[in-house]
Protein backbone atom coordinates (compact mmCIF):
# COMPACT_ATOMS: atom_id res chain seq x y z
CA MET A 1 70.05 49.03 -0.24
CA LYS A 2 67.95 46.04 0.77
CA GLN A 3 64.22 45.67 1.30
CA THR A 4 61.55 42.97 1.35
CA PRO A 5 57.74 43.17 1.30
CA ASP A 6 57.69 43.21 5.10
CA SER A 7 60.96 45.09 5.73
CA PRO A 8 61.52 48.72 4.67
CA PRO A 9 64.66 49.83 2.82
CA GLU A 10 67.93 50.01 4.75
CA LEU A 11 71.56 50.36 3.70
CA PHE A 12 73.87 47.36 3.96
CA ALA A 13 77.61 47.08 3.35
CA GLY A 14 79.59 44.13 2.07
CA GLY A 15 81.94 42.90 -0.61
CA PRO A 16 82.93 39.88 -2.72
CA ASN A 17 84.89 38.34 0.16
CA VAL A 18 82.35 39.21 2.86
CA PRO A 19 79.80 36.41 3.31
CA ASP A 20 77.35 38.43 5.40
CA LEU A 21 76.08 41.92 4.67
CA LYS A 22 76.27 44.40 7.53
CA GLN A 23 73.37 46.76 8.10
CA ILE A 24 74.66 50.32 8.42
CA SER A 25 71.43 52.35 8.57
CA ARG A 26 68.52 52.38 11.01
CA ALA A 27 66.20 54.75 9.16
CA ASN A 28 63.17 52.63 10.03
CA ALA A 29 64.00 51.63 13.59
CA ASP A 30 60.35 52.00 14.65
CA LYS A 31 59.18 49.50 12.01
CA ALA A 32 58.59 46.90 14.74
CA PHE A 33 55.31 48.66 15.52
CA LEU A 34 53.93 47.90 12.03
CA ALA A 35 52.19 44.62 11.24
CA VAL A 36 52.59 43.44 7.64
CA GLY A 37 51.18 40.24 6.13
CA ARG A 38 53.38 37.49 4.71
CA THR A 39 54.21 37.58 0.98
CA GLU A 40 54.55 34.59 -1.34
CA VAL A 41 55.51 34.41 -5.02
CA ILE A 42 52.93 32.24 -6.79
CA LYS A 43 52.70 31.00 -10.38
CA TRP A 44 49.80 29.85 -12.54
CA LYS A 45 48.93 29.01 -16.14
CA SER A 46 46.86 31.41 -18.21
CA THR A 47 44.15 30.19 -20.56
CA ASP A 48 46.66 29.69 -23.39
CA GLY A 49 49.15 27.83 -21.18
CA ARG A 50 51.53 30.76 -20.64
CA GLU A 51 53.07 30.82 -17.16
CA ILE A 52 52.35 33.95 -15.16
CA GLU A 53 53.59 34.88 -11.71
CA GLY A 54 52.67 37.40 -9.07
CA LEU A 55 52.94 38.36 -5.43
CA LEU A 56 50.31 37.14 -3.00
CA HIS A 57 50.15 39.14 0.22
CA TYR A 58 48.37 37.31 3.03
CA PRO A 59 46.47 38.97 5.86
CA VAL A 60 48.33 39.45 9.12
CA GLY A 61 47.94 36.27 11.17
CA TYR A 62 46.39 34.33 8.29
CA ARG A 63 45.23 30.81 9.12
CA PRO A 64 45.54 28.34 6.19
CA GLY A 65 42.21 27.33 4.73
CA THR A 66 40.46 30.53 5.77
CA ARG A 67 38.77 32.43 2.96
CA VAL A 68 39.21 36.18 3.29
CA PRO A 69 38.30 39.38 1.42
CA PHE A 70 40.51 39.67 -1.65
CA ILE A 71 41.78 42.52 -3.84
CA LEU A 72 43.38 42.22 -7.27
CA ASN A 73 45.93 45.05 -7.67
CA ILE A 74 47.00 45.73 -11.28
CA HIS A 75 50.23 47.59 -12.03
CA GLY A 76 50.76 50.47 -14.44
CA GLY A 77 52.72 50.67 -17.63
CA PRO A 78 51.64 48.38 -19.12
CA ALA A 79 55.36 47.62 -18.92
CA GLY A 80 55.50 48.04 -15.15
CA VAL A 81 56.35 45.14 -12.88
CA PHE A 82 55.61 44.26 -9.28
CA GLN A 83 58.72 43.42 -7.29
CA LYS A 84 59.35 42.17 -3.77
CA SER A 85 59.67 45.66 -2.32
CA TYR A 86 58.27 46.98 0.94
CA ILE A 87 54.47 47.29 0.94
CA GLY A 88 54.16 49.67 3.88
CA GLY A 89 55.31 52.85 2.15
CA ARG A 90 53.38 55.80 0.76
CA GLY A 91 51.43 55.58 -2.46
CA SER A 92 47.82 55.35 -3.59
CA TYR A 93 47.02 51.95 -2.11
CA PRO A 94 47.57 51.12 1.59
CA LEU A 95 48.70 47.55 0.99
CA ALA A 96 50.08 46.94 4.49
CA THR A 97 46.93 48.39 6.04
CA PHE A 98 44.78 46.14 3.88
CA THR A 99 46.70 43.08 5.11
CA SER A 100 46.30 44.26 8.71
CA ARG A 101 42.53 44.56 8.12
CA GLY A 102 42.22 40.96 6.96
CA TYR A 103 42.56 41.27 3.17
CA ALA A 104 44.62 39.13 0.81
CA ILE A 105 46.08 40.99 -2.18
CA LEU A 106 47.31 39.58 -5.49
CA ARG A 107 49.72 41.71 -7.52
CA PRO A 108 50.28 39.87 -10.83
CA ASN A 109 52.77 40.48 -13.62
CA PRO A 110 50.69 39.68 -16.73
CA ARG A 111 52.07 39.56 -20.28
CA GLY A 112 53.36 42.98 -21.25
CA SER A 113 55.23 43.39 -17.95
CA SER A 114 58.96 44.10 -17.87
CA GLY A 115 61.57 41.68 -16.58
CA TYR A 116 60.44 38.51 -18.38
CA GLY A 117 62.13 38.94 -21.75
CA THR A 118 61.33 40.71 -25.01
CA GLU A 119 58.69 38.27 -26.24
CA PHE A 120 56.75 38.47 -22.97
CA ARG A 121 57.08 42.25 -22.94
CA ARG A 122 55.60 42.52 -26.47
CA ALA A 123 52.89 39.89 -25.99
CA ASN A 124 50.18 42.51 -25.43
CA ILE A 125 50.80 44.46 -28.65
CA LYS A 126 47.38 45.29 -30.17
CA ASP A 127 45.79 43.30 -27.33
CA TRP A 128 45.30 45.45 -24.24
CA ALA A 129 42.63 43.87 -22.01
CA GLY A 130 42.81 40.74 -24.14
CA MET A 131 45.08 37.92 -23.07
CA ASP A 132 46.54 40.07 -20.28
CA TYR A 133 43.00 40.14 -18.88
CA GLN A 134 42.95 36.34 -19.05
CA ASP A 135 46.28 36.27 -17.19
CA LEU A 136 44.74 38.31 -14.40
CA MET A 137 41.56 36.27 -14.13
CA ALA A 138 43.53 33.02 -14.09
CA GLY A 139 45.52 34.46 -11.19
CA VAL A 140 42.33 35.25 -9.31
CA ASP A 141 41.11 31.71 -9.96
CA LYS A 142 44.41 30.39 -8.58
CA VAL A 143 44.00 32.25 -5.28
CA ILE A 144 40.43 30.97 -5.00
CA GLU A 145 41.63 27.42 -5.66
CA MET A 146 44.25 27.88 -2.92
CA GLY A 147 41.41 28.42 -0.47
CA VAL A 148 42.51 31.98 0.29
CA ALA A 149 40.19 34.33 -1.63
CA ASP A 150 36.50 34.50 -0.82
CA PRO A 151 34.90 34.58 -4.29
CA ASN A 152 31.97 36.55 -2.87
CA ARG A 153 34.17 39.34 -1.46
CA MET A 154 36.55 40.40 -4.21
CA GLY A 155 37.68 43.82 -5.42
CA VAL A 156 39.98 45.16 -8.13
CA MET A 157 42.15 48.29 -8.22
CA GLY A 158 44.94 49.85 -10.24
CA TRP A 159 46.50 53.13 -11.36
CA SER A 160 47.30 54.36 -14.89
CA TYR A 161 47.40 51.19 -17.03
CA GLY A 162 46.15 49.45 -13.90
CA GLY A 163 43.27 51.93 -13.87
CA TYR A 164 42.67 51.26 -17.56
CA MET A 165 42.56 47.52 -16.89
CA THR A 166 40.24 48.05 -13.93
CA SER A 167 37.84 50.00 -16.16
CA MET A 168 37.95 47.18 -18.71
CA VAL A 169 37.59 44.44 -16.09
CA ILE A 170 34.23 45.82 -14.95
CA THR A 171 32.98 45.71 -18.57
CA LYS A 172 33.94 42.03 -18.89
CA THR A 173 32.90 40.41 -15.59
CA LYS A 174 30.63 40.92 -12.61
CA ARG A 175 32.72 38.80 -10.23
CA PHE A 176 34.12 41.82 -8.37
CA LYS A 177 32.01 43.56 -5.73
CA ALA A 178 33.93 46.84 -5.92
CA ALA A 179 36.53 48.55 -8.09
CA SER A 180 38.87 51.52 -7.79
CA ALA A 181 40.34 53.00 -10.99
CA GLY A 182 43.18 55.50 -10.61
CA ALA A 183 43.97 57.81 -13.54
CA PRO A 184 42.37 55.37 -16.01
CA VAL A 185 42.51 55.59 -19.79
CA THR A 186 38.85 54.99 -20.61
CA ASN A 187 38.51 56.33 -24.17
CA MET A 188 41.53 55.70 -26.37
CA MET A 189 40.33 58.02 -29.12
CA SER A 190 39.97 61.12 -26.94
CA PHE A 191 43.12 60.15 -25.02
CA ASN A 192 45.16 60.41 -28.22
CA GLY A 193 44.02 63.98 -28.72
CA THR A 194 44.56 65.25 -25.18
CA ALA A 195 47.48 63.36 -23.58
CA ASP A 196 51.12 64.47 -23.64
CA ILE A 197 52.11 61.19 -25.35
CA PRO A 198 50.01 61.15 -28.56
CA SER A 199 52.20 58.47 -30.18
CA PHE A 200 51.94 56.00 -27.28
CA LEU A 201 48.78 54.16 -28.33
CA PRO A 202 49.54 54.20 -32.08
CA ASP A 203 52.83 52.47 -31.26
CA TYR A 204 51.02 49.76 -29.28
CA PHE A 205 48.12 49.31 -31.70
CA GLU A 206 50.14 49.91 -34.87
CA ALA A 207 47.59 52.38 -36.21
CA GLU A 208 46.18 55.83 -35.58
CA PHE A 209 42.56 55.82 -34.42
CA TRP A 210 41.40 57.24 -37.77
CA GLU A 211 43.06 54.30 -39.48
CA ASN A 212 41.52 51.61 -37.25
CA ALA A 213 38.70 53.02 -35.15
CA ALA A 214 37.36 49.53 -34.47
CA ILE A 215 40.40 48.38 -32.50
CA TYR A 216 40.41 51.59 -30.44
CA SER A 217 36.75 51.22 -29.50
CA LYS A 218 37.09 47.48 -28.82
CA HIS A 219 39.78 48.18 -26.23
CA SER A 220 38.13 51.23 -24.60
CA ALA A 221 35.81 50.97 -21.61
CA MET A 222 33.64 53.85 -22.82
CA PHE A 223 32.55 51.86 -25.87
CA ASN A 224 31.75 48.79 -23.76
CA ILE A 225 30.27 50.39 -20.66
CA LYS A 226 26.61 49.42 -21.13
CA GLY A 227 25.41 46.98 -18.49
CA VAL A 228 28.27 47.47 -16.03
CA SER A 229 27.12 46.90 -12.44
CA THR A 230 30.28 47.04 -10.29
CA PRO A 231 30.44 49.90 -7.75
CA THR A 232 33.45 51.89 -8.94
CA MET A 233 35.49 54.74 -7.50
CA ILE A 234 37.65 56.89 -9.77
CA GLN A 235 40.68 58.81 -8.47
CA HIS A 236 42.42 61.36 -10.68
CA GLY A 237 44.99 64.11 -10.34
CA GLU A 238 43.62 67.52 -11.29
CA ALA A 239 46.86 68.40 -13.11
CA ASP A 240 47.41 65.06 -14.86
CA VAL A 241 48.74 65.63 -18.39
CA ARG A 242 49.73 62.00 -18.98
CA VAL A 243 46.16 60.75 -18.60
CA PRO A 244 44.01 63.91 -18.58
CA ILE A 245 41.26 64.04 -15.99
CA GLU A 246 38.53 64.03 -18.65
CA GLN A 247 39.24 60.29 -18.98
CA GLY A 248 38.14 59.78 -15.40
CA TYR A 249 35.10 62.02 -15.78
CA GLN A 250 33.92 60.05 -18.81
CA LEU A 251 33.85 56.85 -16.77
CA TYR A 252 32.27 58.55 -13.77
CA ASN A 253 29.42 60.07 -15.77
CA ALA A 254 28.73 56.87 -17.71
CA LEU A 255 28.44 54.90 -14.46
CA LYS A 256 26.37 57.58 -12.75
CA ARG A 257 23.91 57.78 -15.65
CA GLN A 258 23.37 54.02 -15.38
CA GLY A 259 22.67 54.24 -11.66
CA ILE A 260 25.86 52.43 -10.60
CA PRO A 261 27.30 53.39 -7.19
CA THR A 262 30.29 55.56 -8.06
CA ARG A 263 32.52 58.24 -6.62
CA MET A 264 34.91 60.67 -8.32
CA ILE A 265 37.89 61.78 -6.23
CA VAL A 266 39.72 64.78 -7.71
CA LEU A 267 43.17 65.27 -6.18
CA PRO A 268 43.99 69.01 -6.35
CA ARG A 269 47.29 70.01 -8.00
CA GLN A 270 48.34 66.39 -8.49
CA PRO A 271 50.00 65.07 -11.68
CA HIS A 272 49.69 61.51 -13.00
CA GLY A 273 50.30 60.08 -9.55
CA PRO A 274 49.78 61.90 -6.24
CA ASN A 275 53.09 63.28 -4.98
CA GLU A 276 52.05 65.43 -2.03
CA PRO A 277 52.03 63.40 1.20
CA LYS A 278 48.58 64.63 2.24
CA MET A 279 47.18 63.74 -1.19
CA GLN A 280 48.73 60.27 -0.96
CA VAL A 281 47.09 59.84 2.43
CA ALA A 282 43.77 61.03 0.98
CA ALA A 283 44.02 58.50 -1.86
CA MET A 284 44.93 55.66 0.50
CA GLN A 285 42.16 56.54 2.94
CA SER A 286 39.56 56.72 0.15
CA ASN A 287 40.59 53.31 -1.17
CA LEU A 288 40.45 51.74 2.27
CA GLU A 289 36.99 53.18 2.94
CA TRP A 290 35.67 52.12 -0.48
CA PHE A 291 36.65 48.48 -0.15
CA GLU A 292 35.67 48.30 3.52
CA LYS A 293 32.20 49.45 2.47
CA PHE A 294 31.68 46.79 -0.21
CA LEU A 295 33.85 43.82 0.81
CA LYS A 296 33.36 43.58 4.57
């Protein structure tokens, strides 16, 4: 199977003595009707000199030197990784539609991501939203320096660990005009007592919360939420047992009580990520509307 960011998956046949692969499926023959922006792998140095890379998706028909609305998309995991796969499929974020509407999107692989070796993978131990946050912000700075991102029209979004990072980003900076947090871990202490993976955070932080409450609160949005000003939408599956929905409600109520524009989208019947097509469409549509409202 072969795919690229602008070409959906198709089956190809070949062998060690066959120089050219032969396409044998046409499952996406109508793909020609879809417009998808160009994708480039870019690299930058974080604040400590570590090299980070990510995928930059340009708007359809992008003209060099034009500054456009920009979205930082953070992956889950934290050991997930963004690859050069097709961006026009179903999910929570309509990446191809964003590029057709004039947005640039950066999908970085900060420290802690898979695929870059053991040391890189373990570089965020006891440091969620620490140096990985710096990796992300350095990537945003890179796209601004390239003349692509409009620094006055930037958003941030992510699901699961990406939602966690989004909730932490808005406590650390006001540079983003809108945020969308999907299934975010917002309170590590209550997460430990309600999630189906109670040993997950103690493994990362090398302590239970009753042994080191300070590190749990330092790395939780709910203990750093005072003064946040970024309009933020939360999306959460009603049946999520990996990151229970109370995590999303905590963030929603904290923002609402501070008068911050916010919206809580509850996806009926959905687990940690929406798996019903109509719920995926609902999530994508909500994200598109949210960023169109604040970045255009």
